[in-house]
N, C-alpha and C. Protein backbone atom coordinates (compact mmCIF):
# COMPACT_ATOMS: atom_id res chain seq x y z
N MET A 1 2.06 15.96 5.81
CA MET A 1 2.23 15.81 4.38
C MET A 1 3.25 14.71 4.12
N VAL A 2 2.94 13.81 3.21
CA VAL A 2 3.81 12.72 2.84
C VAL A 2 4.44 13.05 1.48
N ILE A 3 5.77 13.11 1.45
CA ILE A 3 6.50 13.37 0.22
C ILE A 3 6.79 12.02 -0.44
N CYS A 4 6.47 11.88 -1.71
CA CYS A 4 6.64 10.61 -2.43
C CYS A 4 8.05 10.48 -2.98
N ASN A 5 8.64 9.30 -2.76
CA ASN A 5 9.89 8.99 -3.44
C ASN A 5 9.56 8.20 -4.71
N THR A 6 10.56 7.81 -5.45
CA THR A 6 10.34 7.13 -6.73
C THR A 6 9.56 5.83 -6.56
N GLU A 7 9.88 5.05 -5.53
CA GLU A 7 9.19 3.78 -5.30
C GLU A 7 7.71 4.02 -4.97
N GLN A 8 7.43 5.04 -4.18
CA GLN A 8 6.04 5.34 -3.84
C GLN A 8 5.26 5.79 -5.07
N LEU A 9 5.90 6.56 -5.94
CA LEU A 9 5.23 7.00 -7.16
C LEU A 9 4.91 5.80 -8.06
N LYS A 10 5.85 4.86 -8.15
CA LYS A 10 5.60 3.64 -8.92
C LYS A 10 4.43 2.86 -8.31
N GLY A 11 4.42 2.80 -7.00
CA GLY A 11 3.33 2.12 -6.30
C GLY A 11 1.99 2.78 -6.56
N LEU A 12 1.98 4.11 -6.60
CA LEU A 12 0.74 4.83 -6.89
C LEU A 12 0.24 4.53 -8.30
N LEU A 13 1.17 4.39 -9.24
CA LEU A 13 0.77 4.04 -10.61
C LEU A 13 0.12 2.65 -10.66
N HIS A 14 0.68 1.69 -9.94
CA HIS A 14 0.09 0.35 -9.86
C HIS A 14 -1.28 0.41 -9.18
N LEU A 15 -1.36 1.20 -8.11
CA LEU A 15 -2.61 1.33 -7.38
C LEU A 15 -3.68 1.96 -8.26
N ARG A 16 -3.28 2.94 -9.05
CA ARG A 16 -4.23 3.61 -9.95
C ARG A 16 -4.80 2.60 -10.96
N LYS A 17 -3.94 1.79 -11.52
CA LYS A 17 -4.37 0.79 -12.48
C LYS A 17 -5.33 -0.20 -11.83
N PHE A 18 -5.03 -0.61 -10.59
CA PHE A 18 -5.90 -1.52 -9.86
C PHE A 18 -7.27 -0.90 -9.65
N VAL A 19 -7.31 0.37 -9.23
CA VAL A 19 -8.57 1.05 -8.98
C VAL A 19 -9.38 1.16 -10.27
N GLU A 20 -8.72 1.52 -11.35
CA GLU A 20 -9.40 1.66 -12.64
C GLU A 20 -10.04 0.34 -13.09
N ASN A 21 -9.37 -0.77 -12.84
CA ASN A 21 -9.83 -2.06 -13.34
C ASN A 21 -10.69 -2.85 -12.36
N SER A 22 -10.91 -2.32 -11.17
CA SER A 22 -11.68 -3.04 -10.16
C SER A 22 -13.18 -2.75 -10.32
N PRO A 23 -14.01 -3.75 -9.99
CA PRO A 23 -15.45 -3.51 -10.04
C PRO A 23 -15.87 -2.48 -9.00
N SER A 24 -16.90 -1.73 -9.31
CA SER A 24 -17.34 -0.66 -8.41
C SER A 24 -17.79 -1.20 -7.06
N GLU A 25 -18.22 -2.46 -7.00
CA GLU A 25 -18.63 -3.04 -5.71
C GLU A 25 -17.43 -3.18 -4.77
N LEU A 26 -16.25 -3.36 -5.36
CA LEU A 26 -15.04 -3.55 -4.55
C LEU A 26 -14.48 -2.21 -4.09
N ILE A 27 -14.45 -1.23 -4.96
CA ILE A 27 -13.87 0.08 -4.65
C ILE A 27 -14.96 1.13 -4.75
N HIS A 28 -15.39 1.60 -3.60
CA HIS A 28 -16.39 2.67 -3.58
C HIS A 28 -15.68 4.01 -3.78
N SER A 29 -16.38 4.98 -4.26
CA SER A 29 -15.85 6.33 -4.52
C SER A 29 -14.59 6.29 -5.38
N ARG A 30 -14.65 5.52 -6.45
CA ARG A 30 -13.53 5.36 -7.37
C ARG A 30 -13.01 6.70 -7.88
N THR A 31 -13.91 7.60 -8.25
CA THR A 31 -13.51 8.90 -8.79
C THR A 31 -12.69 9.68 -7.77
N ASP A 32 -13.11 9.67 -6.51
CA ASP A 32 -12.37 10.39 -5.47
C ASP A 32 -10.98 9.80 -5.28
N ILE A 33 -10.89 8.49 -5.29
CA ILE A 33 -9.60 7.83 -5.10
C ILE A 33 -8.67 8.12 -6.27
N LEU A 34 -9.19 8.05 -7.48
CA LEU A 34 -8.37 8.37 -8.65
C LEU A 34 -7.89 9.81 -8.60
N HIS A 35 -8.74 10.69 -8.11
CA HIS A 35 -8.36 12.10 -7.98
C HIS A 35 -7.21 12.26 -6.97
N ILE A 36 -7.29 11.56 -5.85
CA ILE A 36 -6.23 11.61 -4.84
C ILE A 36 -4.92 11.10 -5.43
N ILE A 37 -4.98 9.98 -6.14
CA ILE A 37 -3.78 9.39 -6.75
C ILE A 37 -3.20 10.33 -7.80
N ASP A 38 -4.06 10.85 -8.67
CA ASP A 38 -3.58 11.75 -9.73
C ASP A 38 -2.91 12.99 -9.15
N ASN A 39 -3.51 13.57 -8.11
CA ASN A 39 -2.90 14.75 -7.47
C ASN A 39 -1.55 14.40 -6.86
N ALA A 40 -1.46 13.24 -6.22
CA ALA A 40 -0.20 12.82 -5.61
C ALA A 40 0.87 12.61 -6.67
N LEU A 41 0.48 12.05 -7.81
CA LEU A 41 1.44 11.84 -8.90
C LEU A 41 1.95 13.16 -9.47
N VAL A 42 1.07 14.14 -9.57
CA VAL A 42 1.45 15.45 -10.12
C VAL A 42 2.26 16.26 -9.11
N GLU A 43 1.78 16.31 -7.87
CA GLU A 43 2.40 17.14 -6.85
C GLU A 43 3.57 16.47 -6.14
N GLY A 44 3.63 15.14 -6.19
CA GLY A 44 4.70 14.42 -5.52
C GLY A 44 4.51 14.29 -4.02
N CYS A 45 3.28 14.52 -3.56
CA CYS A 45 2.99 14.41 -2.13
C CYS A 45 1.48 14.25 -1.93
N TYR A 46 1.11 13.86 -0.71
CA TYR A 46 -0.31 13.77 -0.35
C TYR A 46 -0.44 13.97 1.16
N SER A 47 -1.65 14.27 1.59
CA SER A 47 -1.89 14.57 3.00
C SER A 47 -1.97 13.28 3.83
N SER A 48 -1.86 13.44 5.13
CA SER A 48 -1.98 12.29 6.03
C SER A 48 -3.37 11.68 5.94
N LYS A 49 -4.37 12.52 5.74
CA LYS A 49 -5.75 12.05 5.57
C LYS A 49 -5.85 11.16 4.33
N HIS A 50 -5.23 11.58 3.26
CA HIS A 50 -5.24 10.78 2.03
C HIS A 50 -4.39 9.53 2.18
N GLN A 51 -3.35 9.60 2.99
CA GLN A 51 -2.51 8.42 3.22
C GLN A 51 -3.34 7.28 3.81
N THR A 52 -4.22 7.61 4.73
CA THR A 52 -5.08 6.60 5.34
C THR A 52 -5.95 5.93 4.29
N LYS A 53 -6.55 6.71 3.42
CA LYS A 53 -7.41 6.17 2.36
C LYS A 53 -6.60 5.33 1.37
N LEU A 54 -5.43 5.84 0.98
CA LEU A 54 -4.58 5.10 0.04
C LEU A 54 -4.11 3.78 0.65
N ASN A 55 -3.81 3.78 1.95
CA ASN A 55 -3.39 2.54 2.62
C ASN A 55 -4.53 1.52 2.64
N GLN A 56 -5.77 2.00 2.81
CA GLN A 56 -6.92 1.09 2.79
C GLN A 56 -7.06 0.44 1.42
N ILE A 57 -6.91 1.23 0.37
CA ILE A 57 -7.01 0.70 -0.99
C ILE A 57 -5.84 -0.24 -1.28
N ARG A 58 -4.64 0.14 -0.81
CA ARG A 58 -3.48 -0.73 -1.00
C ARG A 58 -3.69 -2.08 -0.32
N ASN A 59 -4.32 -2.07 0.85
CA ASN A 59 -4.59 -3.33 1.54
C ASN A 59 -5.55 -4.21 0.75
N VAL A 60 -6.56 -3.60 0.13
CA VAL A 60 -7.48 -4.35 -0.72
C VAL A 60 -6.71 -4.94 -1.90
N TRP A 61 -5.87 -4.13 -2.55
CA TRP A 61 -5.04 -4.59 -3.66
C TRP A 61 -4.15 -5.76 -3.22
N PHE A 62 -3.47 -5.59 -2.08
CA PHE A 62 -2.56 -6.62 -1.59
C PHE A 62 -3.31 -7.92 -1.34
N ASP A 63 -4.45 -7.82 -0.65
CA ASP A 63 -5.22 -9.02 -0.33
C ASP A 63 -5.71 -9.73 -1.59
N ARG A 64 -6.10 -8.99 -2.60
CA ARG A 64 -6.57 -9.59 -3.85
C ARG A 64 -5.41 -10.18 -4.66
N THR A 65 -4.27 -9.54 -4.61
CA THR A 65 -3.13 -9.97 -5.42
C THR A 65 -2.35 -11.11 -4.79
N TYR A 66 -2.17 -11.06 -3.48
CA TYR A 66 -1.28 -12.01 -2.80
C TYR A 66 -1.99 -12.92 -1.80
N ALA A 67 -3.28 -13.10 -1.93
CA ALA A 67 -4.04 -13.94 -1.00
C ALA A 67 -3.44 -15.34 -0.92
N GLY A 68 -3.18 -15.79 0.30
CA GLY A 68 -2.67 -17.14 0.51
C GLY A 68 -1.19 -17.33 0.24
N GLN A 69 -0.48 -16.27 -0.09
CA GLN A 69 0.95 -16.37 -0.36
C GLN A 69 1.75 -15.79 0.80
N TYR A 70 2.98 -16.24 0.94
CA TYR A 70 3.86 -15.71 1.97
C TYR A 70 4.62 -14.52 1.39
N VAL A 71 4.00 -13.35 1.49
CA VAL A 71 4.57 -12.13 0.94
C VAL A 71 4.41 -11.02 1.99
N CYS A 72 5.47 -10.26 2.19
CA CYS A 72 5.44 -9.14 3.13
C CYS A 72 4.61 -8.00 2.54
N ARG A 73 3.66 -7.52 3.29
CA ARG A 73 2.78 -6.43 2.87
C ARG A 73 3.54 -5.13 2.66
N TYR A 74 4.68 -4.96 3.31
CA TYR A 74 5.41 -3.70 3.28
C TYR A 74 6.46 -3.63 2.18
N CYS A 75 7.22 -4.71 2.01
CA CYS A 75 8.29 -4.69 1.00
C CYS A 75 8.00 -5.61 -0.19
N LEU A 76 6.92 -6.38 -0.10
CA LEU A 76 6.51 -7.35 -1.11
C LEU A 76 7.53 -8.47 -1.31
N GLY A 77 8.40 -8.65 -0.32
CA GLY A 77 9.38 -9.72 -0.38
C GLY A 77 8.79 -11.07 0.01
N ASP A 78 9.38 -12.13 -0.51
CA ASP A 78 8.97 -13.50 -0.19
C ASP A 78 9.32 -13.79 1.26
N THR A 79 8.36 -14.31 2.03
CA THR A 79 8.63 -14.65 3.42
C THR A 79 8.47 -16.14 3.70
N SER A 80 8.39 -16.93 2.64
CA SER A 80 8.14 -18.36 2.82
C SER A 80 9.29 -19.10 3.50
N LEU A 81 10.51 -18.57 3.41
CA LEU A 81 11.66 -19.25 4.01
C LEU A 81 12.16 -18.55 5.27
N VAL A 82 11.42 -17.56 5.75
CA VAL A 82 11.82 -16.82 6.95
C VAL A 82 11.30 -17.55 8.18
N GLU A 83 12.14 -17.64 9.22
CA GLU A 83 11.73 -18.30 10.45
C GLU A 83 10.57 -17.54 11.09
N TYR A 84 9.66 -18.29 11.70
CA TYR A 84 8.45 -17.75 12.29
C TYR A 84 8.73 -16.62 13.29
N ASP A 85 9.83 -16.72 14.04
CA ASP A 85 10.17 -15.71 15.04
C ASP A 85 10.42 -14.32 14.43
N TYR A 86 10.70 -14.28 13.15
CA TYR A 86 11.01 -13.02 12.46
C TYR A 86 9.85 -12.53 11.60
N LEU A 87 8.65 -13.09 11.83
CA LEU A 87 7.47 -12.71 11.06
C LEU A 87 6.39 -12.16 11.97
N SER A 88 5.57 -11.31 11.40
CA SER A 88 4.33 -10.86 12.01
C SER A 88 3.25 -11.21 10.99
N GLY A 89 2.58 -12.33 11.19
CA GLY A 89 1.71 -12.86 10.15
C GLY A 89 2.58 -13.35 9.01
N THR A 90 2.40 -12.77 7.82
CA THR A 90 3.29 -13.11 6.69
C THR A 90 4.24 -11.95 6.39
N ASP A 91 4.29 -10.96 7.26
CA ASP A 91 5.15 -9.79 7.06
C ASP A 91 6.46 -9.95 7.83
N HIS A 92 7.53 -9.38 7.27
CA HIS A 92 8.80 -9.33 8.00
C HIS A 92 8.61 -8.48 9.25
N LEU A 93 9.05 -8.98 10.37
CA LEU A 93 8.93 -8.23 11.62
C LEU A 93 9.66 -6.89 11.51
N GLU A 94 10.82 -6.89 10.86
CA GLU A 94 11.59 -5.66 10.67
C GLU A 94 10.77 -4.62 9.90
N CYS A 95 10.08 -5.03 8.85
CA CYS A 95 9.27 -4.09 8.06
C CYS A 95 8.12 -3.52 8.88
N VAL A 96 7.48 -4.37 9.67
CA VAL A 96 6.37 -3.93 10.52
C VAL A 96 6.86 -2.89 11.52
N LEU A 97 7.99 -3.18 12.17
CA LEU A 97 8.53 -2.26 13.17
C LEU A 97 8.96 -0.93 12.55
N LYS A 98 9.57 -0.97 11.37
CA LYS A 98 9.96 0.26 10.69
C LYS A 98 8.73 1.10 10.35
N TYR A 99 7.68 0.44 9.87
CA TYR A 99 6.45 1.15 9.52
C TYR A 99 5.83 1.79 10.76
N GLU A 100 5.75 1.03 11.85
CA GLU A 100 5.16 1.55 13.08
C GLU A 100 5.97 2.70 13.64
N GLN A 101 7.29 2.58 13.60
CA GLN A 101 8.16 3.64 14.11
C GLN A 101 8.01 4.90 13.27
N LYS A 102 7.95 4.74 11.98
CA LYS A 102 7.80 5.88 11.06
C LYS A 102 6.47 6.61 11.30
N ASN A 103 5.42 5.87 11.58
CA ASN A 103 4.11 6.46 11.74
C ASN A 103 3.82 6.96 13.15
N THR A 104 4.71 6.71 14.11
CA THR A 104 4.51 7.24 15.46
C THR A 104 5.30 8.52 15.70
N ASN A 105 6.21 8.84 14.80
CA ASN A 105 7.01 10.07 14.95
C ASN A 105 6.36 11.24 14.29
């Protein structure tokens, strides 16, 4: 079970708006996804199974919003001035490692 903090709840609100406004060809099973988001907003948590689905939708949102820009997928920070040794793609290496460590425990 994933407990949502304030930042995650804000992110879910943005994700919900994205899902609502996206064409059905881009987001399949829109109703199911909106239901997952709405439940998470009300309950303040969601299951690991739903986390996987939400991450997939977030990746679609990120790719559509920040395509071609130097932005970290995890913190949404600008990475255009970061040295290459500290990046994983366009993501901060620190953010990637924190995410991986959090999801392996």
